[in-house]
Protein backbone atom coordinates (compact mmCIF):
# COMPACT_ATOMS: atom_id res chain seq x y z
CA MET A 1 -66.22 53.21 34.11
CA ALA A 2 -69.47 50.68 34.38
CA ARG A 3 -68.61 47.42 35.66
CA GLY A 4 -71.25 45.91 33.02
CA ARG A 5 -69.57 46.89 29.96
CA ALA A 6 -66.24 45.67 28.10
CA VAL A 7 -63.32 48.15 28.25
CA ASP A 8 -62.77 49.35 24.23
CA HIS A 9 -59.52 50.69 22.98
CA GLU A 10 -60.66 53.91 22.65
CA ASP A 11 -61.53 54.00 26.51
CA ARG A 12 -59.05 55.88 29.07
CA LEU A 13 -58.99 54.33 32.21
CA THR A 14 -57.71 55.43 35.74
CA LEU A 15 -54.83 53.31 37.76
CA VAL A 16 -57.72 52.73 39.65
CA GLU A 17 -59.92 51.44 37.20
CA HIS A 18 -57.44 49.15 35.52
CA LEU A 19 -56.51 47.61 39.21
CA ASP A 20 -60.38 47.33 39.81
CA GLU A 21 -60.50 45.88 36.13
CA LEU A 22 -57.87 43.21 37.46
CA ARG A 23 -59.69 42.44 40.51
CA SER A 24 -62.60 41.61 38.35
CA ARG A 25 -61.00 39.04 36.22
CA ILE A 26 -58.84 37.55 39.37
CA ILE A 27 -62.44 36.72 40.72
CA VAL A 28 -63.51 35.18 37.70
CA SER A 29 -60.76 33.22 37.32
CA LEU A 30 -60.43 32.05 40.58
CA SER A 31 -64.28 31.67 40.99
CA ALA A 32 -64.19 29.46 37.69
CA PHE A 33 -60.84 27.22 39.68
CA GLY A 34 -63.12 27.12 42.18
CA VAL A 35 -66.32 25.74 40.55
CA ALA A 36 -64.01 23.11 38.90
CA PHE A 37 -62.49 22.25 41.82
CA ALA A 38 -65.49 21.50 43.87
CA LEU A 39 -66.96 19.58 40.44
CA CYS A 40 -63.36 17.34 40.26
CA PHE A 41 -63.64 16.49 43.91
CA TRP A 42 -67.22 15.50 44.03
CA GLN A 43 -66.32 13.24 41.14
CA ASP A 44 -63.13 11.93 43.21
CA ASP A 45 -63.38 8.52 42.55
CA LEU A 46 -63.61 9.37 38.28
CA MET A 47 -60.73 11.72 38.30
CA LEU A 48 -58.43 8.97 40.45
CA ASP A 49 -59.60 6.68 37.85
CA ILE A 50 -58.48 9.14 35.14
CA ALA A 51 -55.20 9.49 36.82
CA ASN A 52 -54.64 6.07 37.23
CA TRP A 53 -55.02 4.85 33.41
CA PRO A 54 -51.37 5.24 32.53
CA LEU A 55 -50.56 2.83 35.41
CA PRO A 56 -50.19 -0.89 34.90
CA THR A 57 -53.63 -2.33 35.19
CA ASP A 58 -52.78 -4.74 38.63
CA THR A 59 -51.17 -1.68 39.81
CA VAL A 60 -53.25 0.13 42.51
CA PRO A 61 -51.25 3.29 44.46
CA ILE A 62 -50.30 2.98 48.12
CA THR A 63 -50.97 5.44 51.13
CA LEU A 64 -48.36 5.81 53.81
CA SER A 65 -50.01 7.94 56.26
CA PRO A 66 -53.48 8.73 57.38
CA THR A 67 -54.12 11.79 55.87
CA GLU A 68 -52.46 10.88 52.30
CA PRO A 69 -55.86 9.39 51.10
CA PHE A 70 -57.20 13.35 51.76
CA PHE A 71 -54.31 15.49 50.53
CA THR A 72 -53.84 13.36 47.56
CA THR A 73 -57.07 13.39 46.39
CA VAL A 74 -57.38 17.14 46.93
CA GLU A 75 -54.49 17.62 44.97
CA VAL A 76 -55.68 15.39 42.08
CA SER A 77 -58.66 17.47 42.48
CA ALA A 78 -56.98 20.54 42.18
CA TYR A 79 -54.56 19.34 38.54
CA GLY A 80 -58.11 18.48 36.78
CA ALA A 81 -59.39 22.03 38.01
CA ALA A 82 -56.53 23.64 36.74
CA ILE A 83 -57.00 21.91 33.20
CA LEU A 84 -60.91 22.30 33.12
CA ALA A 85 -60.92 25.78 34.11
CA LEU A 86 -57.73 26.89 32.12
CA PRO A 87 -60.34 28.16 28.83
CA VAL A 88 -61.70 30.48 31.42
CA ILE A 89 -58.89 32.12 33.08
CA LEU A 90 -56.64 31.89 29.45
CA TYR A 91 -60.02 34.68 28.17
CA GLN A 92 -59.98 36.62 31.43
CA VAL A 93 -56.41 37.21 30.16
CA TYR A 94 -57.35 38.24 26.83
CA ALA A 95 -60.08 40.25 27.49
CA PHE A 96 -57.81 42.30 29.66
CA VAL A 97 -54.84 42.87 27.50
CA ILE A 98 -56.94 42.80 24.18
CA PRO A 99 -58.29 46.67 24.79
CA ALA A 100 -55.08 47.52 24.40
CA PHE A 101 -54.59 46.59 20.76
CA SER A 102 -55.25 48.71 17.75
CA PRO A 103 -58.23 47.03 15.39
CA ALA A 104 -55.69 45.79 13.37
CA GLU A 105 -53.69 44.74 15.71
CA LYS A 106 -56.82 42.46 17.46
CA ARG A 107 -57.03 40.92 14.25
CA VAL A 108 -53.44 39.33 14.38
CA VAL A 109 -54.14 38.55 18.49
CA PHE A 110 -57.02 36.68 18.12
CA PRO A 111 -55.55 33.74 16.11
CA TYR A 112 -53.12 32.89 19.05
CA ALA A 113 -55.89 33.63 21.37
CA ILE A 114 -57.47 30.27 19.87
CA ALA A 115 -54.86 28.57 19.22
CA MET A 116 -53.48 28.60 23.45
CA PRO A 117 -55.80 26.62 24.62
CA LEU A 118 -56.01 23.97 21.80
CA LEU A 119 -52.42 23.70 21.99
CA PHE A 120 -52.37 23.26 25.50
CA ILE A 121 -55.38 20.47 25.41
CA ALA A 122 -52.58 18.87 22.58
CA GLY A 123 -49.77 18.93 25.24
CA VAL A 124 -52.27 17.58 28.37
CA ALA A 125 -53.32 14.92 26.08
CA PHE A 126 -50.34 14.07 24.34
CA THR A 127 -48.70 13.57 27.71
CA TYR A 128 -51.41 11.64 28.83
CA PHE A 129 -51.92 9.23 25.96
CA LEU A 130 -48.19 8.49 25.07
CA VAL A 131 -45.90 9.99 27.28
CA ALA A 132 -46.59 9.10 30.30
CA PRO A 133 -47.93 5.29 29.62
CA ALA A 134 -44.50 4.78 28.30
CA ALA A 135 -42.57 6.28 30.91
CA ILE A 136 -44.16 5.08 33.67
CA LYS A 137 -43.53 1.18 32.04
CA PHE A 138 -39.83 2.09 31.26
CA LEU A 139 -39.57 2.66 34.67
CA LEU A 140 -41.88 0.34 36.49
CA ASN A 141 -39.94 -2.44 34.91
CA PHE A 142 -36.41 -0.94 35.07
CA ASN A 143 -34.30 -3.82 37.55
CA GLU A 144 -37.23 -4.67 38.49
CA ALA A 145 -36.09 -8.33 40.00
CA ASN A 146 -34.00 -6.44 42.49
CA PHE A 147 -36.95 -4.20 43.76
CA ALA A 148 -40.41 -4.52 45.25
CA ILE A 149 -41.69 -1.83 43.50
CA GLU A 150 -44.65 0.29 44.90
CA VAL A 151 -46.35 3.33 43.55
CA ARG A 152 -47.05 5.88 46.13
CA ALA A 153 -49.82 7.69 45.58
CA LYS A 154 -48.65 10.71 46.87
CA ASP A 155 -45.72 10.44 43.99
CA TYR A 156 -47.18 9.48 41.34
CA TYR A 157 -50.29 11.97 41.11
CA SER A 158 -47.70 14.49 41.38
CA PHE A 159 -45.65 13.25 39.02
CA LEU A 160 -48.34 12.97 36.17
CA GLY A 161 -49.83 15.91 37.59
CA ILE A 162 -46.53 18.17 36.78
CA LEU A 163 -45.88 16.20 33.88
CA VAL A 164 -49.01 17.05 31.92
CA VAL A 165 -49.45 20.87 32.96
CA MET A 166 -45.74 21.25 32.07
CA LEU A 167 -46.25 19.62 28.35
CA GLY A 168 -49.24 21.60 28.20
CA LEU A 169 -47.15 24.71 28.58
CA LEU A 170 -44.34 23.88 26.64
CA PHE A 171 -46.91 23.03 23.93
CA GLN A 172 -47.14 27.15 23.88
CA MET A 173 -44.01 27.53 21.83
CA PRO A 174 -45.41 28.39 18.34
CA ILE A 175 -47.22 31.05 20.41
CA ALA A 176 -44.22 32.45 22.01
CA LEU A 177 -41.85 32.39 19.21
CA LEU A 178 -44.51 33.91 16.79
CA SER A 179 -45.14 36.70 18.94
CA ILE A 180 -41.57 37.64 19.75
CA CYS A 181 -41.18 37.64 15.63
CA ARG A 182 -44.07 39.71 15.27
CA LEU A 183 -42.74 42.33 18.18
CA GLY A 184 -38.97 42.19 16.15
CA VAL A 185 -36.99 40.55 19.12
CA VAL A 186 -35.78 37.92 16.54
CA THR A 187 -36.59 36.88 13.06
CA PRO A 188 -37.54 33.70 11.88
CA ASP A 189 -33.93 33.25 9.65
CA GLN A 190 -32.26 33.62 13.17
CA LEU A 191 -34.15 31.02 14.73
CA ALA A 192 -33.08 28.83 12.04
CA GLN A 193 -29.56 29.77 12.27
CA ASN A 194 -29.87 28.99 16.40
CA ARG A 195 -31.59 25.84 15.73
CA ARG A 196 -28.85 23.79 17.61
CA TYR A 197 -28.86 25.73 20.68
CA ALA A 198 -33.00 25.60 20.48
CA ILE A 199 -32.44 21.79 20.17
CA LEU A 200 -29.93 21.45 23.14
CA ALA A 201 -32.16 23.38 25.50
CA ILE A 202 -35.29 21.30 24.40
CA ALA A 203 -32.89 18.34 25.59
CA ILE A 204 -31.96 20.02 28.94
CA VAL A 205 -35.65 20.31 29.45
CA SER A 206 -36.85 17.36 28.48
CA ALA A 207 -34.11 15.82 30.92
CA ALA A 208 -35.25 17.63 33.50
CA ALA A 209 -39.07 16.72 33.39
CA PRO A 210 -40.15 14.37 35.96
CA GLY A 211 -39.12 11.06 35.86
CA GLY A 212 -35.83 11.93 33.93
CA ASP A 213 -36.27 8.31 32.05
CA PRO A 214 -34.28 8.23 28.68
CA VAL A 215 -37.84 7.29 27.38
CA SER A 216 -39.91 9.99 28.13
CA MET A 217 -36.91 12.79 27.51
CA ILE A 218 -36.90 11.39 23.91
CA MET A 219 -40.86 11.25 23.65
CA ILE A 220 -40.99 14.34 24.80
CA MET A 221 -37.84 16.10 22.97
CA ILE A 222 -39.50 14.68 19.24
CA PRO A 223 -42.58 17.39 19.50
CA LEU A 224 -40.99 20.11 21.09
CA VAL A 225 -38.18 20.08 18.26
CA LEU A 226 -41.02 19.24 15.56
CA LEU A 227 -42.84 22.30 16.86
CA TYR A 228 -39.93 24.39 17.11
CA GLU A 229 -39.51 23.60 13.08
CA ALA A 230 -43.15 24.30 12.66
CA SER A 231 -42.63 27.84 14.62
CA ILE A 232 -39.86 28.88 12.17
CA GLN A 233 -42.27 28.29 9.25
CA LEU A 234 -45.18 30.09 10.46
CA ALA A 235 -43.21 32.62 11.57
CA ARG A 236 -41.03 32.84 7.77
CA ARG A 237 -45.36 33.32 6.62
CA PHE A 238 -47.11 35.55 9.56
CA GLY A 239 -44.36 36.76 12.07
CA GLU A 240 -43.10 39.89 9.90
CA PRO A 241 -43.36 43.19 12.58
CA LYS A 242 -44.93 44.77 9.49
CA GLU A 243 -48.17 43.56 9.23
CA LEU A 244 -49.36 44.44 12.37
CA HIS A 245 -49.76 47.59 10.71
CA SER A 246 -49.99 46.69 7.27
CA SER A 247 -54.14 47.38 7.43
CA GLU A 248 -53.82 50.89 9.47
CA PRO A 249 -54.75 53.70 7.61
CA ALA A 250 -51.91 56.02 6.57
CA PRO A 251 -51.31 59.29 8.24
CA GLU A 252 -53.20 62.42 7.13
CA GLY A 253 -50.91 64.47 4.64
CA SER A 254 -48.63 61.07 3.78
CA GLY A 255 -47.58 60.38 -0.09
């Protein structure tokens, strides 16, 4: 198979060709991440300013070892690169799996492929602008009279990076629920009937998020519960498995 041509649904690839295609997609994804990382590391001052925005204006993260400024900058650049490279990585995943779908199935999958990066960006923005500032303000002001509070750079950037990426991924909930409904694993009615268990699971995940404070837990739970409810409504409208094949031609001799 020529490497310059995208794989089509009608193509029949050998195992070696599938592995070659997978390797090419991985190389492109890693290259996109590498370019994004180099850009973020080059603009490390800007990346650190962006990461420091949720902190109070008079707070400057501190370091406690000679190597910490370098490795902390690398960590911040890596989180920024992961966010910037995500659209390319998701496209490579989409391009690798889409040939397995029929034309009718592709029309169903395409909106999901568009929604995935948009939902990720929405989760990142929600965390960065709302959850992180509120959680940090609560944590830094809690019992402040009894502590000399300093913010260690390594711990703060890990906290922020993990929180942002985690919420970006959790915002993929509607895609996941719609997918399992279309596959016939569950029905929209089952999702609605098990709402209390879903809310319990969301509460556990929210409590396990970095920070673990009541403010961030509540602020994480609210959009996830709303996304779950929205997923039920979307699944009732678009999640029937039969829709995958509704536009397929009828078999010869039927009727």
